[in-house]
Amino acid sequence: MTAEHTDDGRYIVVNGRKWRATDPDIPEERSAELRSILMAWRRDVRRTAGADESRAGVQAAKVALGERGTPWWDQSDDERRRRWETDVPRPG
């Protein structure tokens, strides 16, 4: 499924609702790794009935992807790189 993006590329639109898009400058290999970590944390949230640690893992992964926290378009190139290079552990 390909999500519709706003003209400026900052958001995706799903069922008429805007969500912040993943930082497009993240190298594909790292982006795939972060998405994998995010999905593992999301599965852990369901398995643990939303335990705080699991929710914190989702938050960390989404921040690394640029979907939460300071908007990636407001960050310098160095800030963006540091954000996505930050270690985000997997559950478990």
C-alpha atoms as a PDB file:
ATOM      1  CA  MET A   1       0.000   0.000   0.000  1.00  0.00           C
ATOM      2  CA  THR A   2       1.329   3.402  -0.953  1.00  0.00           C
ATOM      3  CA  ALA A   3       0.222   6.228   1.289  1.00  0.00           C
ATOM      4  CA  GLU A   4      -0.819   9.548  -0.147  1.00  0.00           C
ATOM      5  CA  HIS A   5       1.548  12.356   0.825  1.00  0.00           C
ATOM      6  CA  THR A   6       0.795  16.034   1.226  1.00  0.00           C
ATOM      7  CA  ASP A   7       2.364  18.279  -1.432  1.00  0.00           C
ATOM      8  CA  ASP A   8       5.194  19.272   0.912  1.00  0.00           C
ATOM      9  CA  GLY A   9       5.956  15.586   1.707  1.00  0.00           C
ATOM     10  CA  ARG A  10       5.784  16.152   5.449  1.00  0.00           C
ATOM     11  CA  TYR A  11       2.640  14.126   6.092  1.00  0.00           C
ATOM     12  CA  ILE A  12       0.876  11.024   4.854  1.00  0.00           C
ATOM     13  CA  VAL A  13      -2.908  10.951   4.633  1.00  0.00           C
ATOM     14  CA  VAL A  14      -4.765   7.868   5.838  1.00  0.00           C
ATOM     15  CA  ASN A  15      -8.565   7.859   5.826  1.00  0.00           C
ATOM     16  CA  GLY A  16      -8.524  11.642   5.609  1.00  0.00           C
ATOM     17  CA  ARG A  17      -6.251  12.050   8.635  1.00  0.00           C
ATOM     18  CA  LYS A  18      -2.737  13.477   8.410  1.00  0.00           C
ATOM     19  CA  TRP A  19       0.177  11.693  10.093  1.00  0.00           C
ATOM     20  CA  ARG A  20       3.772  12.873  10.120  1.00  0.00           C
ATOM     21  CA  ALA A  21       5.791  11.113   7.425  1.00  0.00           C
ATOM     22  CA  THR A  22       9.010   9.251   8.076  1.00  0.00           C
ATOM     23  CA  ASP A  23      12.121  11.348   7.464  1.00  0.00           C
ATOM     24  CA  PRO A  24      12.891  10.767   3.765  1.00  0.00           C
ATOM     25  CA  ASP A  25      16.653  11.236   4.266  1.00  0.00           C
ATOM     26  CA  ILE A  26      17.076   8.161   6.484  1.00  0.00           C
ATOM     27  CA  PRO A  27      19.160   5.632   4.544  1.00  0.00           C
ATOM     28  CA  GLU A  28      16.921   2.787   3.348  1.00  0.00           C
ATOM     29  CA  GLU A  29      18.766   0.091   5.319  1.00  0.00           C
ATOM     30  CA  ARG A  30      18.442   2.043   8.585  1.00  0.00           C
ATOM     31  CA  SER A  31      14.825   2.987   7.838  1.00  0.00           C
ATOM     32  CA  ALA A  32      13.947  -0.689   7.289  1.00  0.00           C
ATOM     33  CA  GLU A  33      15.709  -1.622  10.525  1.00  0.00           C
ATOM     34  CA  LEU A  34      13.819   1.067  12.482  1.00  0.00           C
ATOM     35  CA  ARG A  35      10.479  -0.013  10.965  1.00  0.00           C
ATOM     36  CA  SER A  36      11.244  -3.596  11.988  1.00  0.00           C
ATOM     37  CA  ILE A  37      12.012  -2.459  15.547  1.00  0.00           C
ATOM     38  CA  LEU A  38       8.828  -0.375  15.612  1.00  0.00           C
ATOM     39  CA  MET A  39       6.700  -3.327  14.544  1.00  0.00           C
ATOM     40  CA  ALA A  40       8.345  -5.559  17.166  1.00  0.00           C
ATOM     41  CA  TRP A  41       7.512  -2.997  19.860  1.00  0.00           C
ATOM     42  CA  ARG A  42       3.935  -2.702  18.576  1.00  0.00           C
ATOM     43  CA  ARG A  43       3.537  -6.487  18.847  1.00  0.00           C
ATOM     44  CA  ASP A  44       4.965  -6.260  22.361  1.00  0.00           C
ATOM     45  CA  VAL A  45       2.414  -3.577  23.289  1.00  0.00           C
ATOM     46  CA  ARG A  46      -0.387  -5.987  22.325  1.00  0.00           C
ATOM     47  CA  ARG A  47       1.263  -8.925  24.100  1.00  0.00           C
ATOM     48  CA  THR A  48       1.860  -6.979  27.341  1.00  0.00           C
ATOM     49  CA  ALA A  49      -1.426  -5.075  27.369  1.00  0.00           C
ATOM     50  CA  GLY A  50       0.391  -1.805  26.775  1.00  0.00           C
ATOM     51  CA  ALA A  51       3.135  -2.039  29.396  1.00  0.00           C
ATOM     52  CA  ASP A  52       5.024   1.236  29.880  1.00  0.00           C
ATOM     53  CA  GLU A  53       8.298  -0.253  28.590  1.00  0.00           C
ATOM     54  CA  SER A  54       6.610  -1.373  25.373  1.00  0.00           C
ATOM     55  CA  ARG A  55       5.005   2.002  24.804  1.00  0.00           C
ATOM     56  CA  ALA A  56       8.370   3.677  25.424  1.00  0.00           C
ATOM     57  CA  GLY A  57       9.895   1.404  22.775  1.00  0.00           C
ATOM     58  CA  VAL A  58       7.262   2.466  20.238  1.00  0.00           C
ATOM     59  CA  GLN A  59       7.931   6.107  21.107  1.00  0.00           C
ATOM     60  CA  ALA A  60      11.718   5.700  20.712  1.00  0.00           C
ATOM     61  CA  ALA A  61      11.336   4.041  17.316  1.00  0.00           C
ATOM     62  CA  LYS A  62       8.894   6.670  16.061  1.00  0.00           C
ATOM     63  CA  VAL A  63      11.194   9.479  17.229  1.00  0.00           C
ATOM     64  CA  ALA A  64      14.146   7.833  15.435  1.00  0.00           C
ATOM     65  CA  LEU A  65      12.034   7.632  12.257  1.00  0.00           C
ATOM     66  CA  GLY A  66      11.132  11.322  12.596  1.00  0.00           C
ATOM     67  CA  GLU A  67       7.435  10.608  13.091  1.00  0.00           C
ATOM     68  CA  ARG A  68       7.406  12.080  16.605  1.00  0.00           C
ATOM     69  CA  GLY A  69       9.464  14.608  18.510  1.00  0.00           C
ATOM     70  CA  THR A  70      10.929  17.655  16.806  1.00  0.00           C
ATOM     71  CA  PRO A  71       9.763  17.679  13.176  1.00  0.00           C
ATOM     72  CA  TRP A  72      12.542  16.467  10.879  1.00  0.00           C
ATOM     73  CA  TRP A  73      12.123  19.505   8.634  1.00  0.00           C
ATOM     74  CA  ASP A  74      12.990  21.751  11.619  1.00  0.00           C
ATOM     75  CA  GLN A  75      16.231  19.873  12.356  1.00  0.00           C
ATOM     76  CA  SER A  76      19.680  20.437  10.907  1.00  0.00           C
ATOM     77  CA  ASP A  77      21.255  17.646   8.860  1.00  0.00           C
ATOM     78  CA  ASP A  78      23.466  16.733  11.846  1.00  0.00           C
ATOM     79  CA  GLU A  79      20.486  16.613  14.225  1.00  0.00           C
ATOM     80  CA  ARG A  80      18.582  14.411  11.807  1.00  0.00           C
ATOM     81  CA  ARG A  81      21.521  12.013  11.423  1.00  0.00           C
ATOM     82  CA  ARG A  82      22.035  11.785  15.207  1.00  0.00           C
ATOM     83  CA  ARG A  83      18.321  11.087  15.643  1.00  0.00           C
ATOM     84  CA  TRP A  84      18.178   8.130  13.271  1.00  0.00           C
ATOM     85  CA  GLU A  85      21.575   6.761  14.362  1.00  0.00           C
ATOM     86  CA  THR A  86      20.508   6.629  18.010  1.00  0.00           C
ATOM     87  CA  ASP A  87      20.345   3.073  19.315  1.00  0.00           C
ATOM     88  CA  VAL A  88      16.758   1.851  19.585  1.00  0.00           C
ATOM     89  CA  PRO A  89      16.724  -1.555  21.320  1.00  0.00           C
ATOM     90  CA  ARG A  90      14.358  -4.342  20.342  1.00  0.00           C
ATOM     91  CA  PRO A  91      11.954  -5.774  22.907  1.00  0.00           C
ATOM     92  CA  GLY A  92      13.063  -8.498  24.975  1.00  0.00           C
END
